[in-house]
Amino acid sequence: MRNIKSIAVKFAACAAVCLLTLLGSNFALPGTASAEQAVLPIGVVDYGQLINRHPDTAKANEQLQAEREQEQKDFNAKSVKLSEQDKQNLGRQLGQQFEQKRQELAKPIIEKINAAIKEVMEAKGLSMVVQRNTVIFGGQDITQDVLQKIGAN
């Protein structure tokens, strides 16, 4: 779960930066907002909870654990007669393969979660959805609605 969650956290951080960049020019000082500026309904989600409770996450984590164990066996078998430098290179190579596998397993989960978020957002008439930890106050929490949409327990 931790490996897939790290992708979600990175995604949420990027989304927050993009959101702030897009909205940055629309912020006004108190008392200077014009009547033309409307308050947009914003949804918030706990992306980490969505990842952790997605039905496919447990299976993906099991596959990652099996991948990690296989990598360790491969490293142990191949590194017996290698120099320290070659061992480090082999470790890096195996680590890159593991990261690629982690991303491969996380991608469909993230895509399903994002599709569910979009469906809930549209159904509730929200203009955007942001990660809960980027919001100090306000916003409509739609985490439970998304969990229901993805079939989480």
N, C-alpha and C. Protein backbone atom coordinates (compact mmCIF):
# COMPACT_ATOMS: atom_id res chain seq x y z
N MET A 1 0.82 -1.18 0.00
CA MET A 1 0.00 0.00 0.00
C MET A 1 0.86 1.25 0.00
N ARG A 2 1.93 1.20 0.72
CA ARG A 2 2.78 2.36 0.86
C ARG A 2 3.37 2.78 -0.47
N ASN A 3 3.76 1.82 -1.30
CA ASN A 3 4.35 2.15 -2.59
C ASN A 3 3.35 2.81 -3.51
N ILE A 4 2.15 2.28 -3.59
CA ILE A 4 1.12 2.85 -4.44
C ILE A 4 0.67 4.19 -3.87
N LYS A 5 0.62 4.28 -2.55
CA LYS A 5 0.21 5.54 -1.92
C LYS A 5 1.20 6.65 -2.25
N SER A 6 2.49 6.34 -2.37
CA SER A 6 3.46 7.38 -2.68
C SER A 6 3.19 7.98 -4.05
N ILE A 7 2.73 7.19 -5.00
CA ILE A 7 2.36 7.73 -6.31
C ILE A 7 1.18 8.66 -6.16
N ALA A 8 0.21 8.27 -5.36
CA ALA A 8 -0.97 9.11 -5.16
C ALA A 8 -0.60 10.43 -4.51
N VAL A 9 0.28 10.40 -3.54
CA VAL A 9 0.70 11.62 -2.86
C VAL A 9 1.41 12.54 -3.85
N LYS A 10 2.29 11.98 -4.70
CA LYS A 10 2.97 12.79 -5.71
C LYS A 10 1.96 13.38 -6.68
N PHE A 11 0.99 12.58 -7.08
CA PHE A 11 -0.05 13.06 -7.98
C PHE A 11 -0.83 14.20 -7.34
N ALA A 12 -1.20 14.04 -6.08
CA ALA A 12 -1.96 15.07 -5.38
C ALA A 12 -1.15 16.35 -5.24
N ALA A 13 0.12 16.23 -4.96
CA ALA A 13 0.97 17.41 -4.83
C ALA A 13 1.05 18.16 -6.16
N CYS A 14 1.21 17.41 -7.25
CA CYS A 14 1.24 18.04 -8.58
C CYS A 14 -0.09 18.72 -8.89
N ALA A 15 -1.18 18.06 -8.54
CA ALA A 15 -2.50 18.63 -8.77
C ALA A 15 -2.68 19.92 -7.98
N ALA A 16 -2.20 19.93 -6.75
CA ALA A 16 -2.31 21.13 -5.92
C ALA A 16 -1.51 22.28 -6.50
N VAL A 17 -0.31 22.00 -6.97
CA VAL A 17 0.52 23.04 -7.57
C VAL A 17 -0.15 23.58 -8.83
N CYS A 18 -0.68 22.68 -9.65
CA CYS A 18 -1.38 23.11 -10.86
C CYS A 18 -2.60 23.97 -10.51
N LEU A 19 -3.34 23.54 -9.51
CA LEU A 19 -4.52 24.28 -9.08
C LEU A 19 -4.14 25.67 -8.62
N LEU A 20 -3.12 25.76 -7.79
CA LEU A 20 -2.69 27.07 -7.30
C LEU A 20 -2.18 27.95 -8.43
N THR A 21 -1.50 27.34 -9.40
CA THR A 21 -1.02 28.10 -10.55
C THR A 21 -2.19 28.62 -11.37
N LEU A 22 -3.18 27.76 -11.60
CA LEU A 22 -4.34 28.18 -12.39
C LEU A 22 -5.17 29.23 -11.67
N LEU A 23 -5.31 29.09 -10.38
CA LEU A 23 -6.14 30.02 -9.62
C LEU A 23 -5.38 31.24 -9.14
N GLY A 24 -4.07 31.19 -9.20
CA GLY A 24 -3.24 32.26 -8.66
C GLY A 24 -3.64 33.63 -9.15
N SER A 25 -3.97 33.77 -10.41
CA SER A 25 -4.32 35.08 -10.95
C SER A 25 -5.73 35.49 -10.58
N ASN A 26 -6.52 34.61 -10.00
CA ASN A 26 -7.89 34.93 -9.65
C ASN A 26 -8.08 35.29 -8.20
N PHE A 27 -7.01 35.21 -7.39
CA PHE A 27 -7.13 35.57 -5.99
C PHE A 27 -7.19 37.08 -5.87
N ALA A 28 -8.06 37.56 -4.99
CA ALA A 28 -8.19 38.99 -4.77
C ALA A 28 -8.08 39.25 -3.28
N LEU A 29 -7.69 40.46 -2.94
CA LEU A 29 -7.65 40.85 -1.54
C LEU A 29 -9.06 40.99 -1.01
N PRO A 30 -9.28 40.77 0.29
CA PRO A 30 -10.62 40.92 0.85
C PRO A 30 -11.16 42.31 0.54
N GLY A 31 -12.41 42.34 0.12
CA GLY A 31 -13.06 43.61 -0.17
C GLY A 31 -12.81 44.10 -1.58
N THR A 32 -11.99 43.41 -2.38
CA THR A 32 -11.71 43.87 -3.73
C THR A 32 -12.35 42.98 -4.79
N ALA A 33 -13.05 41.95 -4.37
CA ALA A 33 -13.67 41.04 -5.34
C ALA A 33 -14.83 41.75 -6.02
N SER A 34 -14.92 41.56 -7.32
CA SER A 34 -16.00 42.19 -8.07
C SER A 34 -17.23 41.29 -8.02
N ALA A 35 -18.35 41.85 -8.38
CA ALA A 35 -19.60 41.09 -8.39
C ALA A 35 -19.56 40.00 -9.46
N GLU A 36 -18.67 40.16 -10.44
CA GLU A 36 -18.57 39.18 -11.51
C GLU A 36 -17.96 37.87 -11.05
N GLN A 37 -17.13 37.91 -10.01
CA GLN A 37 -16.47 36.70 -9.54
C GLN A 37 -17.45 35.84 -8.75
N ALA A 38 -17.66 34.64 -9.22
CA ALA A 38 -18.59 33.73 -8.56
C ALA A 38 -17.80 32.71 -7.74
N VAL A 39 -18.40 32.25 -6.67
CA VAL A 39 -17.78 31.21 -5.87
C VAL A 39 -18.04 29.88 -6.58
N LEU A 40 -16.95 29.16 -6.87
CA LEU A 40 -17.07 27.88 -7.56
C LEU A 40 -17.12 26.76 -6.53
N PRO A 41 -18.07 25.83 -6.68
CA PRO A 41 -18.12 24.71 -5.74
C PRO A 41 -16.93 23.78 -5.97
N ILE A 42 -16.22 23.50 -4.89
CA ILE A 42 -15.02 22.67 -4.96
C ILE A 42 -15.20 21.45 -4.09
N GLY A 43 -14.83 20.30 -4.64
CA GLY A 43 -14.86 19.06 -3.88
C GLY A 43 -13.47 18.72 -3.36
N VAL A 44 -13.44 17.98 -2.29
CA VAL A 44 -12.16 17.51 -1.75
C VAL A 44 -12.24 16.00 -1.54
N VAL A 45 -11.11 15.33 -1.70
CA VAL A 45 -11.03 13.88 -1.47
C VAL A 45 -9.77 13.56 -0.68
N ASP A 46 -9.84 12.47 0.05
CA ASP A 46 -8.67 11.92 0.72
C ASP A 46 -8.12 10.86 -0.23
N TYR A 47 -7.18 11.26 -1.08
CA TYR A 47 -6.68 10.38 -2.13
C TYR A 47 -5.98 9.16 -1.55
N GLY A 48 -5.28 9.34 -0.45
CA GLY A 48 -4.62 8.21 0.19
C GLY A 48 -5.61 7.15 0.62
N GLN A 49 -6.73 7.60 1.17
CA GLN A 49 -7.77 6.66 1.59
C GLN A 49 -8.37 5.96 0.37
N LEU A 50 -8.55 6.69 -0.72
CA LEU A 50 -9.09 6.08 -1.93
C LEU A 50 -8.14 4.99 -2.46
N ILE A 51 -6.86 5.27 -2.44
CA ILE A 51 -5.87 4.26 -2.87
C ILE A 51 -5.90 3.05 -1.93
N ASN A 52 -5.83 3.32 -0.63
CA ASN A 52 -5.76 2.23 0.36
C ASN A 52 -6.99 1.34 0.33
N ARG A 53 -8.14 1.91 0.05
CA ARG A 53 -9.38 1.13 0.11
C ARG A 53 -9.87 0.66 -1.25
N HIS A 54 -9.14 0.97 -2.31
CA HIS A 54 -9.54 0.49 -3.63
C HIS A 54 -9.45 -1.03 -3.64
N PRO A 55 -10.43 -1.70 -4.23
CA PRO A 55 -10.43 -3.17 -4.23
C PRO A 55 -9.19 -3.82 -4.87
N ASP A 56 -8.53 -3.15 -5.79
CA ASP A 56 -7.38 -3.74 -6.48
C ASP A 56 -6.05 -3.49 -5.76
N THR A 57 -6.04 -2.64 -4.74
CA THR A 57 -4.78 -2.28 -4.09
C THR A 57 -4.14 -3.47 -3.37
N ALA A 58 -4.90 -4.27 -2.68
CA ALA A 58 -4.34 -5.41 -1.95
C ALA A 58 -3.64 -6.38 -2.90
N LYS A 59 -4.28 -6.66 -4.02
CA LYS A 59 -3.68 -7.58 -5.00
C LYS A 59 -2.41 -6.97 -5.59
N ALA A 60 -2.44 -5.67 -5.88
CA ALA A 60 -1.26 -5.00 -6.42
C ALA A 60 -0.11 -5.05 -5.43
N ASN A 61 -0.42 -4.85 -4.16
CA ASN A 61 0.62 -4.89 -3.13
C ASN A 61 1.20 -6.30 -2.97
N GLU A 62 0.35 -7.31 -3.11
CA GLU A 62 0.84 -8.69 -3.07
C GLU A 62 1.80 -8.96 -4.23
N GLN A 63 1.44 -8.46 -5.41
CA GLN A 63 2.30 -8.63 -6.57
C GLN A 63 3.62 -7.89 -6.38
N LEU A 64 3.56 -6.70 -5.79
CA LEU A 64 4.79 -5.95 -5.52
C LEU A 64 5.68 -6.67 -4.52
N GLN A 65 5.07 -7.26 -3.51
CA GLN A 65 5.85 -8.01 -2.52
C GLN A 65 6.53 -9.21 -3.17
N ALA A 66 5.79 -9.92 -4.03
CA ALA A 66 6.37 -11.06 -4.75
C ALA A 66 7.50 -10.60 -5.66
N GLU A 67 7.31 -9.45 -6.29
CA GLU A 67 8.35 -8.88 -7.15
C GLU A 67 9.60 -8.55 -6.34
N ARG A 68 9.41 -7.96 -5.17
CA ARG A 68 10.53 -7.60 -4.30
C ARG A 68 11.29 -8.85 -3.85
N GLU A 69 10.56 -9.89 -3.49
CA GLU A 69 11.20 -11.13 -3.06
C GLU A 69 11.98 -11.77 -4.21
N GLN A 70 11.42 -11.74 -5.41
CA GLN A 70 12.11 -12.30 -6.58
C GLN A 70 13.37 -11.50 -6.89
N GLU A 71 13.27 -10.18 -6.78
CA GLU A 71 14.45 -9.33 -6.99
C GLU A 71 15.56 -9.68 -6.00
N GLN A 72 15.18 -9.90 -4.76
CA GLN A 72 16.19 -10.24 -3.74
C GLN A 72 16.87 -11.56 -4.08
N LYS A 73 16.08 -12.53 -4.52
CA LYS A 73 16.66 -13.82 -4.92
C LYS A 73 17.60 -13.64 -6.12
N ASP A 74 17.14 -12.85 -7.10
CA ASP A 74 17.98 -12.58 -8.28
C ASP A 74 19.28 -11.90 -7.88
N PHE A 75 19.17 -10.92 -7.01
CA PHE A 75 20.37 -10.19 -6.57
C PHE A 75 21.33 -11.14 -5.86
N ASN A 76 20.80 -11.93 -4.95
CA ASN A 76 21.65 -12.87 -4.20
C ASN A 76 22.35 -13.86 -5.13
N ALA A 77 21.63 -14.35 -6.14
CA ALA A 77 22.21 -15.33 -7.05
C ALA A 77 23.24 -14.71 -7.98
N LYS A 78 22.97 -13.50 -8.47
CA LYS A 78 23.85 -12.88 -9.45
C LYS A 78 25.04 -12.14 -8.84
N SER A 79 24.94 -11.75 -7.61
CA SER A 79 25.96 -10.88 -7.02
C SER A 79 27.10 -11.63 -6.34
N VAL A 80 27.03 -12.94 -6.30
CA VAL A 80 28.02 -13.73 -5.57
C VAL A 80 29.45 -13.40 -5.99
N LYS A 81 29.70 -13.32 -7.28
CA LYS A 81 31.07 -13.11 -7.77
C LYS A 81 31.28 -11.70 -8.33
N LEU A 82 30.39 -10.78 -8.00
CA LEU A 82 30.51 -9.42 -8.53
C LEU A 82 31.31 -8.52 -7.59
N SER A 83 31.93 -7.52 -8.19
CA SER A 83 32.62 -6.49 -7.40
C SER A 83 31.55 -5.61 -6.73
N GLU A 84 31.98 -4.80 -5.77
CA GLU A 84 31.04 -3.90 -5.09
C GLU A 84 30.36 -2.95 -6.07
N GLN A 85 31.13 -2.44 -7.02
CA GLN A 85 30.56 -1.53 -8.03
C GLN A 85 29.50 -2.24 -8.86
N ASP A 86 29.81 -3.46 -9.29
CA ASP A 86 28.86 -4.23 -10.09
C ASP A 86 27.62 -4.60 -9.26
N LYS A 87 27.81 -4.85 -7.98
CA LYS A 87 26.67 -5.12 -7.10
C LYS A 87 25.76 -3.90 -7.01
N GLN A 88 26.38 -2.72 -6.89
CA GLN A 88 25.59 -1.49 -6.83
C GLN A 88 24.83 -1.28 -8.13
N ASN A 89 25.49 -1.52 -9.26
CA ASN A 89 24.82 -1.38 -10.56
C ASN A 89 23.66 -2.36 -10.70
N LEU A 90 23.87 -3.59 -10.27
CA LEU A 90 22.81 -4.59 -10.32
C LEU A 90 21.65 -4.18 -9.41
N GLY A 91 21.97 -3.70 -8.24
CA GLY A 91 20.93 -3.24 -7.31
C GLY A 91 20.12 -2.10 -7.91
N ARG A 92 20.81 -1.15 -8.57
CA ARG A 92 20.11 -0.04 -9.23
C ARG A 92 19.20 -0.54 -10.34
N GLN A 93 19.72 -1.46 -11.13
CA GLN A 93 18.94 -2.01 -12.24
C GLN A 93 17.69 -2.71 -11.72
N LEU A 94 17.85 -3.54 -10.71
CA LEU A 94 16.70 -4.25 -10.14
C LEU A 94 15.72 -3.26 -9.50
N GLY A 95 16.24 -2.21 -8.87
CA GLY A 95 15.38 -1.19 -8.28
C GLY A 95 14.56 -0.45 -9.33
N GLN A 96 15.17 -0.18 -10.48
CA GLN A 96 14.45 0.47 -11.58
C GLN A 96 13.35 -0.44 -12.12
N GLN A 97 13.67 -1.73 -12.22
CA GLN A 97 12.65 -2.68 -12.68
C GLN A 97 11.48 -2.72 -11.69
N PHE A 98 11.79 -2.67 -10.40
CA PHE A 98 10.75 -2.69 -9.38
C PHE A 98 9.89 -1.43 -9.48
N GLU A 99 10.51 -0.30 -9.64
CA GLU A 99 9.77 0.97 -9.76
C GLU A 99 8.86 0.95 -10.98
N GLN A 100 9.35 0.41 -12.08
CA GLN A 100 8.54 0.30 -13.29
C GLN A 100 7.32 -0.59 -13.03
N LYS A 101 7.53 -1.70 -12.34
CA LYS A 101 6.43 -2.62 -12.01
C LYS A 101 5.43 -1.93 -11.09
N ARG A 102 5.92 -1.17 -10.12
CA ARG A 102 5.04 -0.45 -9.19
C ARG A 102 4.16 0.53 -9.94
N GLN A 103 4.76 1.27 -10.85
CA GLN A 103 3.99 2.23 -11.65
C GLN A 103 2.98 1.53 -12.55
N GLU A 104 3.40 0.41 -13.11
CA GLU A 104 2.52 -0.38 -13.97
C GLU A 104 1.29 -0.87 -13.20
N LEU A 105 1.49 -1.31 -11.96
CA LEU A 105 0.38 -1.80 -11.14
C LEU A 105 -0.49 -0.65 -10.61
N ALA A 106 0.10 0.49 -10.35
CA ALA A 106 -0.64 1.62 -9.79
C ALA A 106 -1.48 2.34 -10.85
N LYS A 107 -1.01 2.35 -12.07
CA LYS A 107 -1.68 3.13 -13.13
C LYS A 107 -3.17 2.80 -13.28
N PRO A 108 -3.56 1.53 -13.42
CA PRO A 108 -5.00 1.27 -13.59
C PRO A 108 -5.82 1.63 -12.34
N ILE A 109 -5.23 1.50 -11.17
CA ILE A 109 -5.93 1.87 -9.94
C ILE A 109 -6.18 3.37 -9.92
N ILE A 110 -5.16 4.13 -10.23
CA ILE A 110 -5.27 5.59 -10.25
C ILE A 110 -6.25 6.03 -11.32
N GLU A 111 -6.21 5.39 -12.47
CA GLU A 111 -7.15 5.74 -13.55
C GLU A 111 -8.60 5.48 -13.12
N LYS A 112 -8.84 4.36 -12.45
CA LYS A 112 -10.20 4.06 -11.98
C LYS A 112 -10.65 5.06 -10.93
N ILE A 113 -9.76 5.42 -10.03
CA ILE A 113 -10.10 6.39 -8.99
C ILE A 113 -10.39 7.75 -9.63
N ASN A 114 -9.56 8.17 -10.56
CA ASN A 114 -9.77 9.46 -11.21
C ASN A 114 -11.07 9.49 -11.99
N ALA A 115 -11.41 8.38 -12.64
CA ALA A 115 -12.68 8.32 -13.37
C ALA A 115 -13.86 8.42 -12.41
N ALA A 116 -13.76 7.74 -11.27
CA ALA A 116 -14.84 7.81 -10.27
C ALA A 116 -14.95 9.23 -9.69
N ILE A 117 -13.82 9.86 -9.43
CA ILE A 117 -13.83 11.24 -8.93
C ILE A 117 -14.54 12.14 -9.94
N LYS A 118 -14.20 11.99 -11.20
CA LYS A 118 -14.82 12.82 -12.25
C LYS A 118 -16.32 12.60 -12.30
N GLU A 119 -16.77 11.35 -12.21
CA GLU A 119 -18.20 11.06 -12.24
C GLU A 119 -18.91 11.72 -11.07
N VAL A 120 -18.35 11.58 -9.87
CA VAL A 120 -18.97 12.18 -8.69
C VAL A 120 -18.94 13.71 -8.80
N MET A 121 -17.84 14.25 -9.27
CA MET A 121 -17.72 15.69 -9.44
C MET A 121 -18.81 16.23 -10.36
N GLU A 122 -18.99 15.57 -11.49
CA GLU A 122 -20.01 16.00 -12.45
C GLU A 122 -21.42 15.83 -11.88
N ALA A 123 -21.66 14.73 -11.20
CA ALA A 123 -22.99 14.48 -10.62
C ALA A 123 -23.34 15.51 -9.55
N LYS A 124 -22.35 16.00 -8.83
CA LYS A 124 -22.60 16.97 -7.76
C LYS A 124 -22.46 18.41 -8.24
N GLY A 125 -22.12 18.60 -9.52
CA GLY A 125 -21.99 19.95 -10.06
C GLY A 125 -20.80 20.72 -9.52
N LEU A 126 -19.73 20.02 -9.21
CA LEU A 126 -18.53 20.67 -8.69
C LEU A 126 -17.66 21.16 -9.85
N SER A 127 -16.94 22.25 -9.63
CA SER A 127 -16.08 22.78 -10.68
C SER A 127 -14.73 22.10 -10.69
N MET A 128 -14.29 21.58 -9.54
CA MET A 128 -13.01 20.89 -9.44
C MET A 128 -12.97 20.10 -8.15
N VAL A 129 -12.00 19.19 -8.08
CA VAL A 129 -11.77 18.39 -6.87
C VAL A 129 -10.28 18.45 -6.56
N VAL A 130 -9.97 18.69 -5.29
CA VAL A 130 -8.57 18.77 -4.85
C VAL A 130 -8.35 17.81 -3.69
N GLN A 131 -7.09 17.52 -3.44
CA GLN A 131 -6.69 16.66 -2.33
C GLN A 131 -7.03 17.34 -1.01
N ARG A 132 -7.61 16.61 -0.10
CA ARG A 132 -8.05 17.17 1.18
C ARG A 132 -6.93 17.89 1.93
N ASN A 133 -5.72 17.33 1.91
CA ASN A 133 -4.66 17.95 2.70
C ASN A 133 -4.14 19.25 2.11
N THR A 134 -4.64 19.67 0.95
CA THR A 134 -4.27 20.97 0.38
C THR A 134 -5.28 22.05 0.75
N VAL A 135 -6.34 21.67 1.42
CA VAL A 135 -7.41 22.61 1.78
C VAL A 135 -7.38 22.86 3.28
N ILE A 136 -7.33 24.13 3.63
CA ILE A 136 -7.34 24.48 5.05
C ILE A 136 -8.76 24.41 5.59
N PHE A 137 -9.69 24.97 4.88
CA PHE A 137 -11.10 24.85 5.25
C PHE A 137 -11.94 25.01 3.99
N GLY A 138 -13.16 24.51 4.09
CA GLY A 138 -14.08 24.62 2.95
C GLY A 138 -14.01 23.41 2.04
N GLY A 139 -14.82 23.46 1.02
CA GLY A 139 -14.89 22.37 0.06
C GLY A 139 -15.83 21.28 0.53
N GLN A 140 -16.39 20.57 -0.41
CA GLN A 140 -17.31 19.48 -0.12
C GLN A 140 -16.54 18.16 -0.20
N ASP A 141 -16.49 17.43 0.90
CA ASP A 141 -15.76 16.16 0.91
C ASP A 141 -16.59 15.10 0.20
N ILE A 142 -16.03 14.56 -0.88
CA ILE A 142 -16.73 13.54 -1.67
C ILE A 142 -16.03 12.19 -1.59
N THR A 143 -15.14 12.03 -0.61
CA THR A 143 -14.38 10.79 -0.49
C THR A 143 -15.30 9.57 -0.38
N GLN A 144 -16.30 9.64 0.48
CA GLN A 144 -17.20 8.49 0.67
C GLN A 144 -17.98 8.17 -0.60
N ASP A 145 -18.38 9.20 -1.34
CA ASP A 145 -19.09 8.98 -2.60
C ASP A 145 -18.20 8.26 -3.61
N VAL A 146 -16.93 8.65 -3.66
CA VAL A 146 -15.99 8.01 -4.59
C VAL A 146 -15.71 6.58 -4.15
N LEU A 147 -15.54 6.37 -2.85
CA LEU A 147 -15.33 5.01 -2.35
C LEU A 147 -16.50 4.10 -2.75
N GLN A 148 -17.69 4.63 -2.64
CA GLN A 148 -18.87 3.86 -3.02
C GLN A 148 -18.85 3.55 -4.52
N LYS A 149 -18.43 4.52 -5.32
CA LYS A 149 -18.39 4.38 -6.77
C LYS A 149 -17.36 3.33 -7.20
N ILE A 150 -16.23 3.24 -6.49
CA ILE A 150 -15.19 2.26 -6.88
C ILE A 150 -15.42 0.89 -6.23
N GLY A 151 -16.44 0.79 -5.40
CA GLY A 151 -16.75 -0.50 -4.78
C GLY A 151 -15.87 -0.86 -3.62
N ALA A 152 -15.35 0.13 -2.91
CA ALA A 152 -14.49 -0.14 -1.74
C ALA A 152 -15.32 -0.60 -0.58
N ASN A 153 -14.70 -1.38 0.29
CA ASN A 153 -15.38 -1.89 1.48
C ASN A 153 -15.46 -0.82 2.54
